[in-house]
Amino acid sequence: MCRSKRAAVLLALILATAGGTAAAERLGLGQPLSEPQLARWNIDVDAQGHGLPPGKGSVAQGQRVYAQTCAACHGDQGQGGLADALVGGRGSLATAKPLKTIGSFWPYATTVFDFINRAMPYNAPKSLSADEVYAVTAYLLHLNGIVAADTVLDAASLPQVRMPNRDGFISDPRPDTRNVACQHCPAPSQ
C-alpha cells in the first residue's frame, strides 16, 4: 500500500474512533455507571496501602482458607503445582534459574493482597472476603518467613511489612519517565 493510502486509512480510523462516545450515546449503547457500581470495581491497592479495605486475618485463618481455595493449584505449602510456586526462591534471583515467589521477588506485601483480592482463586476471582484475603496474605508471608505465626494483618499493619526484595528494583533514570512506586508516593529524590 502506498504511503498516501496508508495515511488516508489511518486518518479514517482516527476519525471513526474519535466520535465513539458520542456515537454510543446517540445509538443508545451502554449506560453510565453509578457511584455504587463503580465502587465495587475500584478495589486497587497501591504499594503504600491506599485502598486497603477494613478487615483482618491471621496466619492460622489463612492456613485454613489456603487449604480450601489455593492448595489445589499452588501446592499444600505454596511449593507450586498446576500454578506457580509462592514460597521459596530466596537468593535465586541472581542465578541462572531464578525462582520468583512472594518471598524472593515481590517488593510490597500490599501488592500481594491486591493480586489475591482481584485475581484469586483462579476459578472464582474476587470471591474471597477481605478478611479471607488478609488471612491468606498473612499465611503466605509466614510460609516465606516474613511474618511470625501469630501475625494478624489489617489495613494498618500490612503496609508495615518489609519484603525481602523491597530494594531489589531500580528506578528508571530516563528524564522522560516518571517513576514512582504509586500515585500517592513521593517522587524519587534526584
N, C-alpha and C. Protein backbone atom coordinates (compact mmCIF):
# COMPACT_ATOMS: atom_id res chain seq x y z
N MET A 1 0.86 -1.17 0.00
CA MET A 1 0.00 0.00 0.00
C MET A 1 0.90 1.23 0.00
N CYS A 2 0.58 2.18 -0.84
CA CYS A 2 1.42 3.38 -0.91
C CYS A 2 1.23 4.25 0.33
N ARG A 3 2.18 5.14 0.52
CA ARG A 3 2.21 5.97 1.71
C ARG A 3 0.94 6.83 1.84
N SER A 4 0.44 7.40 0.76
CA SER A 4 -0.74 8.27 0.84
C SER A 4 -2.00 7.47 1.18
N LYS A 5 -2.09 6.24 0.68
CA LYS A 5 -3.26 5.41 1.03
C LYS A 5 -3.22 5.02 2.50
N ARG A 6 -2.00 4.68 3.01
CA ARG A 6 -1.87 4.35 4.44
C ARG A 6 -2.25 5.54 5.30
N ALA A 7 -1.84 6.71 4.91
CA ALA A 7 -2.18 7.91 5.67
C ALA A 7 -3.69 8.14 5.65
N ALA A 8 -4.34 7.92 4.51
CA ALA A 8 -5.78 8.11 4.41
C ALA A 8 -6.53 7.10 5.27
N VAL A 9 -6.06 5.85 5.27
CA VAL A 9 -6.70 4.82 6.10
C VAL A 9 -6.51 5.15 7.58
N LEU A 10 -5.32 5.57 7.95
CA LEU A 10 -5.06 5.94 9.34
C LEU A 10 -5.93 7.11 9.76
N LEU A 11 -6.05 8.12 8.92
CA LEU A 11 -6.89 9.27 9.22
C LEU A 11 -8.36 8.85 9.37
N ALA A 12 -8.82 7.97 8.51
CA ALA A 12 -10.20 7.49 8.59
C ALA A 12 -10.44 6.74 9.90
N LEU A 13 -9.47 5.91 10.31
CA LEU A 13 -9.61 5.19 11.58
C LEU A 13 -9.65 6.15 12.76
N ILE A 14 -8.80 7.15 12.75
CA ILE A 14 -8.77 8.13 13.84
C ILE A 14 -10.11 8.85 13.92
N LEU A 15 -10.62 9.28 12.79
CA LEU A 15 -11.90 10.00 12.78
C LEU A 15 -13.06 9.10 13.19
N ALA A 16 -13.00 7.83 12.79
CA ALA A 16 -14.07 6.90 13.13
C ALA A 16 -14.12 6.61 14.63
N THR A 17 -12.95 6.50 15.26
CA THR A 17 -12.93 6.19 16.69
C THR A 17 -13.07 7.42 17.57
N ALA A 18 -12.78 8.58 17.06
CA ALA A 18 -12.84 9.81 17.85
C ALA A 18 -14.25 10.10 18.33
N GLY A 19 -15.25 9.75 17.56
CA GLY A 19 -16.63 10.02 17.95
C GLY A 19 -17.28 8.83 18.61
N GLY A 20 -16.51 7.90 19.15
CA GLY A 20 -17.06 6.68 19.74
C GLY A 20 -18.04 6.93 20.87
N THR A 21 -17.69 7.82 21.79
CA THR A 21 -18.57 8.11 22.93
C THR A 21 -19.85 8.75 22.45
N ALA A 22 -19.72 9.73 21.54
CA ALA A 22 -20.91 10.40 21.02
C ALA A 22 -21.79 9.41 20.26
N ALA A 23 -21.18 8.53 19.48
CA ALA A 23 -21.95 7.54 18.73
C ALA A 23 -22.67 6.59 19.68
N ALA A 24 -22.00 6.18 20.76
CA ALA A 24 -22.63 5.28 21.73
C ALA A 24 -23.84 5.95 22.36
N GLU A 25 -23.70 7.23 22.72
CA GLU A 25 -24.84 7.95 23.30
C GLU A 25 -25.96 8.10 22.28
N ARG A 26 -25.63 8.46 21.06
CA ARG A 26 -26.62 8.66 20.01
C ARG A 26 -27.37 7.38 19.69
N LEU A 27 -26.68 6.25 19.73
CA LEU A 27 -27.29 4.97 19.39
C LEU A 27 -27.90 4.27 20.60
N GLY A 28 -27.74 4.85 21.78
CA GLY A 28 -28.32 4.25 22.98
C GLY A 28 -27.56 3.02 23.46
N LEU A 29 -26.27 2.97 23.21
CA LEU A 29 -25.46 1.84 23.65
C LEU A 29 -24.87 2.11 25.02
N GLY A 30 -24.92 1.16 25.90
CA GLY A 30 -24.32 1.29 27.21
C GLY A 30 -25.09 2.24 28.10
N GLN A 31 -24.59 2.39 29.31
CA GLN A 31 -25.19 3.33 30.25
C GLN A 31 -24.13 3.76 31.24
N PRO A 32 -24.25 4.96 31.77
CA PRO A 32 -23.26 5.43 32.75
C PRO A 32 -23.34 4.58 34.02
N LEU A 33 -22.18 4.41 34.67
CA LEU A 33 -22.13 3.69 35.95
C LEU A 33 -22.49 4.63 37.09
N SER A 34 -23.21 4.10 38.05
CA SER A 34 -23.49 4.87 39.26
C SER A 34 -22.27 4.78 40.17
N GLU A 35 -22.18 5.66 41.15
CA GLU A 35 -21.05 5.63 42.10
C GLU A 35 -20.97 4.28 42.82
N PRO A 36 -22.10 3.71 43.33
CA PRO A 36 -22.00 2.40 43.99
C PRO A 36 -21.53 1.29 43.03
N GLN A 37 -21.94 1.34 41.77
CA GLN A 37 -21.48 0.34 40.80
C GLN A 37 -19.98 0.48 40.56
N LEU A 38 -19.53 1.69 40.43
CA LEU A 38 -18.12 1.94 40.20
C LEU A 38 -17.29 1.54 41.42
N ALA A 39 -17.80 1.79 42.60
CA ALA A 39 -17.08 1.47 43.84
C ALA A 39 -16.80 -0.03 43.96
N ARG A 40 -17.69 -0.87 43.44
CA ARG A 40 -17.47 -2.32 43.51
C ARG A 40 -16.25 -2.74 42.71
N TRP A 41 -15.88 -1.97 41.70
CA TRP A 41 -14.73 -2.31 40.86
C TRP A 41 -13.49 -1.49 41.20
N ASN A 42 -13.63 -0.47 42.00
CA ASN A 42 -12.49 0.37 42.39
C ASN A 42 -11.82 -0.24 43.61
N ILE A 43 -11.10 -1.34 43.40
CA ILE A 43 -10.55 -2.11 44.52
C ILE A 43 -9.04 -2.18 44.51
N ASP A 44 -8.38 -1.36 43.71
CA ASP A 44 -6.92 -1.44 43.64
C ASP A 44 -6.28 -0.98 44.94
N VAL A 45 -5.17 -1.61 45.27
CA VAL A 45 -4.38 -1.28 46.46
C VAL A 45 -2.98 -0.97 45.98
N ASP A 46 -2.44 0.17 46.40
CA ASP A 46 -1.10 0.53 45.95
C ASP A 46 -0.03 0.09 46.95
N ALA A 47 1.20 0.38 46.62
CA ALA A 47 2.33 -0.06 47.43
C ALA A 47 2.30 0.46 48.86
N GLN A 48 1.75 1.66 49.05
CA GLN A 48 1.70 2.25 50.39
C GLN A 48 0.48 1.77 51.18
N GLY A 49 -0.41 1.02 50.56
CA GLY A 49 -1.58 0.50 51.25
C GLY A 49 -2.85 1.29 51.03
N HIS A 50 -2.79 2.37 50.23
CA HIS A 50 -4.01 3.11 49.92
C HIS A 50 -4.96 2.17 49.20
N GLY A 51 -6.20 2.14 49.64
CA GLY A 51 -7.20 1.27 49.03
C GLY A 51 -7.44 -0.01 49.80
N LEU A 52 -6.66 -0.28 50.84
CA LEU A 52 -6.92 -1.49 51.63
C LEU A 52 -8.26 -1.37 52.33
N PRO A 53 -9.07 -2.41 52.27
CA PRO A 53 -10.39 -2.37 52.89
C PRO A 53 -10.32 -2.68 54.38
N PRO A 54 -11.40 -2.39 55.11
CA PRO A 54 -11.48 -2.82 56.50
C PRO A 54 -11.44 -4.35 56.57
N GLY A 55 -10.98 -4.87 57.67
CA GLY A 55 -10.93 -6.31 57.87
C GLY A 55 -9.61 -6.71 58.49
N LYS A 56 -9.49 -8.00 58.79
CA LYS A 56 -8.24 -8.52 59.35
C LYS A 56 -8.22 -10.02 59.17
N GLY A 57 -7.02 -10.58 59.22
CA GLY A 57 -6.88 -12.02 59.09
C GLY A 57 -5.57 -12.50 59.69
N SER A 58 -5.62 -13.67 60.29
CA SER A 58 -4.45 -14.24 60.94
C SER A 58 -3.81 -15.33 60.08
N VAL A 59 -2.59 -15.69 60.45
CA VAL A 59 -1.88 -16.77 59.77
C VAL A 59 -2.70 -18.06 59.90
N ALA A 60 -3.19 -18.35 61.08
CA ALA A 60 -3.96 -19.59 61.29
C ALA A 60 -5.22 -19.63 60.43
N GLN A 61 -5.93 -18.51 60.36
CA GLN A 61 -7.11 -18.45 59.50
C GLN A 61 -6.70 -18.63 58.04
N GLY A 62 -5.60 -18.00 57.67
CA GLY A 62 -5.11 -18.09 56.30
C GLY A 62 -4.74 -19.50 55.90
N GLN A 63 -4.20 -20.26 56.84
CA GLN A 63 -3.86 -21.65 56.54
C GLN A 63 -5.10 -22.44 56.15
N ARG A 64 -6.20 -22.21 56.84
CA ARG A 64 -7.46 -22.91 56.52
C ARG A 64 -8.00 -22.48 55.15
N VAL A 65 -8.04 -21.16 54.91
CA VAL A 65 -8.55 -20.66 53.63
C VAL A 65 -7.65 -21.14 52.49
N TYR A 66 -6.35 -21.08 52.69
CA TYR A 66 -5.40 -21.53 51.67
C TYR A 66 -5.65 -23.00 51.32
N ALA A 67 -5.81 -23.84 52.33
CA ALA A 67 -6.04 -25.26 52.08
C ALA A 67 -7.30 -25.49 51.25
N GLN A 68 -8.33 -24.68 51.49
CA GLN A 68 -9.59 -24.85 50.78
C GLN A 68 -9.58 -24.25 49.38
N THR A 69 -8.88 -23.13 49.17
CA THR A 69 -9.03 -22.41 47.91
C THR A 69 -7.77 -22.27 47.07
N CYS A 70 -6.60 -22.53 47.64
CA CYS A 70 -5.35 -22.25 46.92
C CYS A 70 -4.47 -23.48 46.70
N ALA A 71 -4.49 -24.40 47.64
CA ALA A 71 -3.55 -25.53 47.63
C ALA A 71 -3.67 -26.41 46.39
N ALA A 72 -4.86 -26.55 45.85
CA ALA A 72 -5.03 -27.42 44.68
C ALA A 72 -4.17 -26.97 43.51
N CYS A 73 -3.96 -25.68 43.37
CA CYS A 73 -3.14 -25.16 42.27
C CYS A 73 -1.70 -24.85 42.68
N HIS A 74 -1.52 -24.30 43.89
CA HIS A 74 -0.20 -23.82 44.31
C HIS A 74 0.55 -24.78 45.23
N GLY A 75 -0.02 -25.95 45.51
CA GLY A 75 0.63 -26.91 46.39
C GLY A 75 0.27 -26.66 47.84
N ASP A 76 0.34 -27.72 48.65
CA ASP A 76 -0.11 -27.61 50.04
C ASP A 76 0.73 -26.67 50.89
N GLN A 77 1.96 -26.40 50.48
CA GLN A 77 2.83 -25.47 51.21
C GLN A 77 3.32 -24.33 50.32
N GLY A 78 2.60 -24.07 49.23
CA GLY A 78 2.98 -22.99 48.33
C GLY A 78 4.14 -23.32 47.41
N GLN A 79 4.50 -24.60 47.33
CA GLN A 79 5.66 -25.02 46.55
C GLN A 79 5.40 -25.06 45.05
N GLY A 80 4.17 -24.86 44.65
CA GLY A 80 3.83 -24.89 43.24
C GLY A 80 3.20 -26.21 42.87
N GLY A 81 2.56 -26.23 41.76
CA GLY A 81 1.87 -27.42 41.25
C GLY A 81 1.35 -27.07 39.89
N LEU A 82 0.04 -27.04 39.74
CA LEU A 82 -0.55 -26.60 38.47
C LEU A 82 -0.22 -25.13 38.21
N ALA A 83 -0.09 -24.37 39.28
CA ALA A 83 0.23 -22.94 39.18
C ALA A 83 1.60 -22.70 39.82
N ASP A 84 2.07 -21.48 39.72
CA ASP A 84 3.40 -21.11 40.19
C ASP A 84 3.62 -21.36 41.67
N ALA A 85 4.88 -21.52 42.02
CA ALA A 85 5.29 -21.59 43.42
C ALA A 85 5.12 -20.19 44.03
N LEU A 86 4.71 -20.17 45.28
CA LEU A 86 4.53 -18.93 46.02
C LEU A 86 5.57 -18.77 47.13
N VAL A 87 6.27 -19.85 47.41
CA VAL A 87 7.20 -19.90 48.53
C VAL A 87 8.57 -20.35 48.02
N GLY A 88 9.62 -19.82 48.66
CA GLY A 88 10.97 -20.23 48.33
C GLY A 88 11.65 -19.23 47.41
N GLY A 89 12.78 -19.63 46.89
CA GLY A 89 13.48 -18.83 45.91
C GLY A 89 14.39 -17.74 46.45
N ARG A 90 14.46 -17.56 47.76
CA ARG A 90 15.33 -16.50 48.29
C ARG A 90 16.76 -16.74 47.85
N GLY A 91 17.39 -15.69 47.35
CA GLY A 91 18.76 -15.77 46.90
C GLY A 91 18.90 -16.30 45.48
N SER A 92 17.80 -16.63 44.83
CA SER A 92 17.89 -17.23 43.49
C SER A 92 17.78 -16.21 42.36
N LEU A 93 17.44 -14.97 42.65
CA LEU A 93 17.19 -14.01 41.58
C LEU A 93 18.41 -13.72 40.74
N ALA A 94 19.60 -13.80 41.31
CA ALA A 94 20.82 -13.52 40.57
C ALA A 94 21.42 -14.78 39.94
N THR A 95 20.71 -15.89 40.01
CA THR A 95 21.21 -17.14 39.44
C THR A 95 20.66 -17.35 38.04
N ALA A 96 21.13 -18.40 37.40
CA ALA A 96 20.68 -18.72 36.05
C ALA A 96 19.22 -19.19 36.04
N LYS A 97 18.73 -19.67 37.18
CA LYS A 97 17.34 -20.14 37.27
C LYS A 97 16.65 -19.48 38.47
N PRO A 98 16.30 -18.21 38.33
CA PRO A 98 15.64 -17.53 39.45
C PRO A 98 14.24 -18.09 39.69
N LEU A 99 13.87 -18.18 40.96
CA LEU A 99 12.52 -18.59 41.33
C LEU A 99 11.83 -17.35 41.90
N LYS A 100 10.94 -16.78 41.12
CA LYS A 100 10.25 -15.55 41.52
C LYS A 100 9.00 -15.91 42.31
N THR A 101 9.08 -15.72 43.62
CA THR A 101 7.97 -16.01 44.51
C THR A 101 7.65 -14.77 45.34
N ILE A 102 6.65 -14.91 46.19
CA ILE A 102 6.30 -13.82 47.10
C ILE A 102 7.50 -13.47 47.98
N GLY A 103 8.20 -14.47 48.45
CA GLY A 103 9.32 -14.24 49.36
C GLY A 103 10.61 -13.82 48.70
N SER A 104 10.75 -14.10 47.41
CA SER A 104 12.01 -13.76 46.76
C SER A 104 11.92 -12.54 45.85
N PHE A 105 10.75 -12.24 45.32
CA PHE A 105 10.64 -11.25 44.26
C PHE A 105 9.76 -10.05 44.61
N TRP A 106 8.60 -10.28 45.19
CA TRP A 106 7.62 -9.20 45.39
C TRP A 106 8.18 -8.12 46.31
N PRO A 107 8.07 -6.85 45.91
CA PRO A 107 8.64 -5.77 46.73
C PRO A 107 7.71 -5.26 47.83
N TYR A 108 6.41 -5.46 47.70
CA TYR A 108 5.46 -4.90 48.69
C TYR A 108 4.41 -5.95 49.07
N ALA A 109 4.17 -6.08 50.35
CA ALA A 109 3.15 -7.02 50.83
C ALA A 109 1.75 -6.56 50.42
N THR A 110 1.56 -5.26 50.29
CA THR A 110 0.24 -4.74 49.91
C THR A 110 -0.15 -5.19 48.51
N THR A 111 0.84 -5.35 47.63
CA THR A 111 0.51 -5.79 46.28
C THR A 111 0.21 -7.28 46.23
N VAL A 112 0.69 -8.04 47.20
CA VAL A 112 0.30 -9.44 47.33
C VAL A 112 -1.20 -9.48 47.64
N PHE A 113 -1.61 -8.67 48.62
CA PHE A 113 -3.04 -8.57 48.95
C PHE A 113 -3.84 -8.18 47.72
N ASP A 114 -3.38 -7.15 47.01
CA ASP A 114 -4.10 -6.64 45.85
C ASP A 114 -4.30 -7.73 44.80
N PHE A 115 -3.24 -8.49 44.51
CA PHE A 115 -3.34 -9.53 43.49
C PHE A 115 -4.32 -10.63 43.92
N ILE A 116 -4.20 -11.10 45.14
CA ILE A 116 -5.10 -12.14 45.63
C ILE A 116 -6.54 -11.63 45.60
N ASN A 117 -6.73 -10.41 46.06
CA ASN A 117 -8.08 -9.84 46.14
C ASN A 117 -8.73 -9.74 44.77
N ARG A 118 -7.97 -9.37 43.76
CA ARG A 118 -8.54 -9.17 42.43
C ARG A 118 -8.59 -10.42 41.57
N ALA A 119 -7.61 -11.30 41.71
CA ALA A 119 -7.46 -12.36 40.72
C ALA A 119 -7.55 -13.79 41.23
N MET A 120 -7.66 -13.98 42.52
CA MET A 120 -7.65 -15.33 43.06
C MET A 120 -8.92 -15.62 43.85
N PRO A 121 -9.30 -16.88 43.97
CA PRO A 121 -8.72 -18.03 43.27
C PRO A 121 -9.02 -17.95 41.77
N TYR A 122 -8.19 -18.61 41.01
CA TYR A 122 -8.25 -18.52 39.56
C TYR A 122 -9.65 -18.84 39.02
N ASN A 123 -10.29 -19.84 39.59
CA ASN A 123 -11.61 -20.25 39.10
C ASN A 123 -12.75 -19.40 39.65
N ALA A 124 -12.47 -18.50 40.58
CA ALA A 124 -13.52 -17.65 41.16
C ALA A 124 -12.92 -16.34 41.68
N PRO A 125 -12.35 -15.52 40.79
CA PRO A 125 -11.72 -14.28 41.26
C PRO A 125 -12.72 -13.38 41.98
N LYS A 126 -12.20 -12.63 42.94
CA LYS A 126 -12.99 -11.70 43.75
C LYS A 126 -14.03 -12.39 44.63
N SER A 127 -13.87 -13.69 44.87
CA SER A 127 -14.85 -14.41 45.68
C SER A 127 -14.47 -14.45 47.16
N LEU A 128 -13.25 -14.08 47.51
CA LEU A 128 -12.82 -14.10 48.91
C LEU A 128 -13.21 -12.79 49.59
N SER A 129 -13.58 -12.88 50.85
CA SER A 129 -13.87 -11.67 51.63
C SER A 129 -12.55 -10.97 51.96
N ALA A 130 -12.64 -9.74 52.38
CA ALA A 130 -11.43 -9.00 52.78
C ALA A 130 -10.71 -9.73 53.91
N ASP A 131 -11.46 -10.25 54.88
CA ASP A 131 -10.85 -11.00 55.98
C ASP A 131 -10.09 -12.21 55.47
N GLU A 132 -10.67 -12.93 54.51
CA GLU A 132 -10.00 -14.10 53.94
C GLU A 132 -8.74 -13.71 53.17
N VAL A 133 -8.79 -12.59 52.46
CA VAL A 133 -7.61 -12.15 51.71
C VAL A 133 -6.50 -11.73 52.67
N TYR A 134 -6.84 -10.99 53.73
CA TYR A 134 -5.83 -10.65 54.74
C TYR A 134 -5.22 -11.93 55.33
N ALA A 135 -6.07 -12.92 55.61
CA ALA A 135 -5.60 -14.16 56.22
C ALA A 135 -4.68 -14.94 55.27
N VAL A 136 -5.06 -15.10 54.02
CA VAL A 136 -4.22 -15.82 53.06
C VAL A 136 -2.91 -15.08 52.86
N THR A 137 -2.96 -13.76 52.79
CA THR A 137 -1.74 -12.97 52.67
C THR A 137 -0.83 -13.21 53.87
N ALA A 138 -1.39 -13.20 55.07
CA ALA A 138 -0.61 -13.47 56.28
C ALA A 138 0.02 -14.85 56.23
N TYR A 139 -0.76 -15.84 55.82
CA TYR A 139 -0.25 -17.21 55.75
C TYR A 139 0.90 -17.32 54.75
N LEU A 140 0.75 -16.73 53.57
CA LEU A 140 1.80 -16.80 52.56
C LEU A 140 3.05 -16.05 53.00
N LEU A 141 2.88 -14.93 53.66
CA LEU A 141 4.04 -14.21 54.20
C LEU A 141 4.73 -15.04 55.28
N HIS A 142 3.94 -15.75 56.08
CA HIS A 142 4.51 -16.62 57.10
C HIS A 142 5.28 -17.79 56.47
N LEU A 143 4.69 -18.42 55.46
CA LEU A 143 5.38 -19.53 54.79
C LEU A 143 6.72 -19.08 54.21
N ASN A 144 6.82 -17.82 53.84
CA ASN A 144 8.06 -17.27 53.30
C ASN A 144 8.99 -16.73 54.37
N GLY A 145 8.64 -16.91 55.64
CA GLY A 145 9.49 -16.48 56.74
C GLY A 145 9.52 -14.98 56.95
N ILE A 146 8.49 -14.28 56.50
CA ILE A 146 8.46 -12.82 56.58
C ILE A 146 7.72 -12.33 57.81
N VAL A 147 6.68 -13.04 58.23
CA VAL A 147 5.94 -12.68 59.45
C VAL A 147 5.86 -13.90 60.36
N ALA A 148 5.64 -13.65 61.64
CA ALA A 148 5.56 -14.71 62.64
C ALA A 148 4.22 -15.46 62.56
N ALA A 149 4.17 -16.62 63.18
CA ALA A 149 2.99 -17.47 63.16
C ALA A 149 1.79 -16.83 63.84
N ASP A 150 2.00 -15.92 64.76
CA ASP A 150 0.89 -15.29 65.47
C ASP A 150 0.46 -13.95 64.86
N THR A 151 0.90 -13.66 63.66
CA THR A 151 0.62 -12.39 63.00
C THR A 151 -0.85 -12.28 62.58
N VAL A 152 -1.41 -11.11 62.81
CA VAL A 152 -2.73 -10.74 62.31
C VAL A 152 -2.53 -9.49 61.47
N LEU A 153 -2.97 -9.54 60.22
CA LEU A 153 -2.80 -8.40 59.33
C LEU A 153 -4.10 -7.65 59.12
N ASP A 154 -3.98 -6.34 58.97
CA ASP A 154 -5.11 -5.47 58.65
C ASP A 154 -4.58 -4.29 57.84
N ALA A 155 -5.44 -3.31 57.59
CA ALA A 155 -5.05 -2.17 56.75
C ALA A 155 -3.92 -1.35 57.36
N ALA A 156 -3.77 -1.37 58.68
CA ALA A 156 -2.70 -0.62 59.32
C ALA A 156 -1.38 -1.40 59.34
N SER A 157 -1.46 -2.71 59.59
CA SER A 157 -0.23 -3.49 59.75
C SER A 157 0.36 -4.00 58.42
N LEU A 158 -0.46 -4.28 57.44
CA LEU A 158 0.05 -4.84 56.18
C LEU A 158 1.07 -3.92 55.49
N PRO A 159 0.82 -2.61 55.39
CA PRO A 159 1.83 -1.76 54.74
C PRO A 159 3.15 -1.67 55.51
N GLN A 160 3.16 -2.07 56.77
CA GLN A 160 4.38 -2.03 57.58
C GLN A 160 5.29 -3.23 57.34
N VAL A 161 4.77 -4.26 56.67
CA VAL A 161 5.57 -5.46 56.41
C VAL A 161 6.65 -5.12 55.38
N ARG A 162 7.88 -5.39 55.74
CA ARG A 162 9.01 -5.11 54.83
C ARG A 162 9.38 -6.40 54.11
N MET A 163 9.25 -6.38 52.81
CA MET A 163 9.53 -7.56 51.99
C MET A 163 11.04 -7.68 51.73
N PRO A 164 11.54 -8.91 51.61
CA PRO A 164 12.98 -9.12 51.41
C PRO A 164 13.53 -8.45 50.14
N ASN A 165 12.75 -8.35 49.09
CA ASN A 165 13.24 -7.76 47.84
C ASN A 165 12.77 -6.32 47.65
N ARG A 166 12.42 -5.67 48.72
CA ARG A 166 11.92 -4.29 48.66
C ARG A 166 12.88 -3.36 47.92
N ASP A 167 14.15 -3.55 48.11
CA ASP A 167 15.14 -2.69 47.47
C ASP A 167 15.77 -3.32 46.23
N GLY A 168 15.14 -4.37 45.73
CA GLY A 168 15.69 -5.08 44.58
C GLY A 168 15.30 -4.51 43.24
N PHE A 169 14.52 -3.45 43.23
CA PHE A 169 14.11 -2.83 41.99
C PHE A 169 14.82 -1.48 41.88
N ILE A 170 15.16 -1.11 40.67
CA ILE A 170 15.87 0.14 40.48
C ILE A 170 14.95 1.15 39.81
N SER A 171 15.19 2.42 40.10
CA SER A 171 14.42 3.47 39.47
C SER A 171 14.85 3.62 38.02
N ASP A 172 13.93 4.06 37.20
CA ASP A 172 14.22 4.31 35.79
C ASP A 172 14.82 5.71 35.69
N PRO A 173 16.09 5.82 35.30
CA PRO A 173 16.75 7.12 35.30
C PRO A 173 16.43 8.03 34.11
N ARG A 174 15.65 7.54 33.15
CA ARG A 174 15.37 8.37 31.98
C ARG A 174 14.59 9.62 32.39
N PRO A 175 14.99 10.78 31.90
CA PRO A 175 14.33 12.03 32.32
C PRO A 175 12.89 12.15 31.83
N ASP A 176 12.51 11.39 30.82
CA ASP A 176 11.16 11.49 30.29
C ASP A 176 10.21 10.49 30.94
N THR A 177 10.67 9.81 31.98
CA THR A 177 9.86 8.78 32.63
C THR A 177 9.62 9.16 34.08
N ARG A 178 8.36 9.26 34.46
CA ARG A 178 8.01 9.49 35.86
C ARG A 178 7.99 8.13 36.53
N ASN A 179 8.81 7.92 37.50
CA ASN A 179 8.96 6.61 38.09
C ASN A 179 8.75 6.68 39.59
N VAL A 180 7.52 6.43 40.01
CA VAL A 180 7.22 6.37 41.43
C VAL A 180 6.52 5.05 41.71
N ALA A 181 6.63 4.58 42.92
CA ALA A 181 6.03 3.30 43.29
C ALA A 181 4.53 3.32 43.17
N CYS A 182 3.94 4.48 43.36
CA CYS A 182 2.49 4.59 43.26
C CYS A 182 2.12 6.06 43.08
N GLN A 183 0.87 6.31 42.74
CA GLN A 183 0.46 7.68 42.50
C GLN A 183 0.43 8.52 43.78
N HIS A 184 0.45 7.91 44.94
CA HIS A 184 0.42 8.64 46.21
C HIS A 184 1.81 8.78 46.82
N CYS A 185 2.81 8.10 46.23
CA CYS A 185 4.15 8.09 46.80
C CYS A 185 4.92 9.34 46.40
N PRO A 186 5.84 9.76 47.21
CA PRO A 186 6.67 10.91 46.82
C PRO A 186 7.56 10.53 45.64
N ALA A 187 7.87 11.53 44.84
CA ALA A 187 8.77 11.30 43.69
C ALA A 187 10.14 10.92 44.21
N PRO A 188 10.85 10.06 43.47
CA PRO A 188 12.20 9.67 43.92
C PRO A 188 13.12 10.89 43.94
N SER A 189 14.00 10.92 44.91
CA SER A 189 14.93 12.05 45.01
C SER A 189 15.99 11.90 43.92
N GLN A 190 16.44 13.03 43.44
CA GLN A 190 17.42 13.02 42.34
C GLN A 190 18.81 12.98 42.89
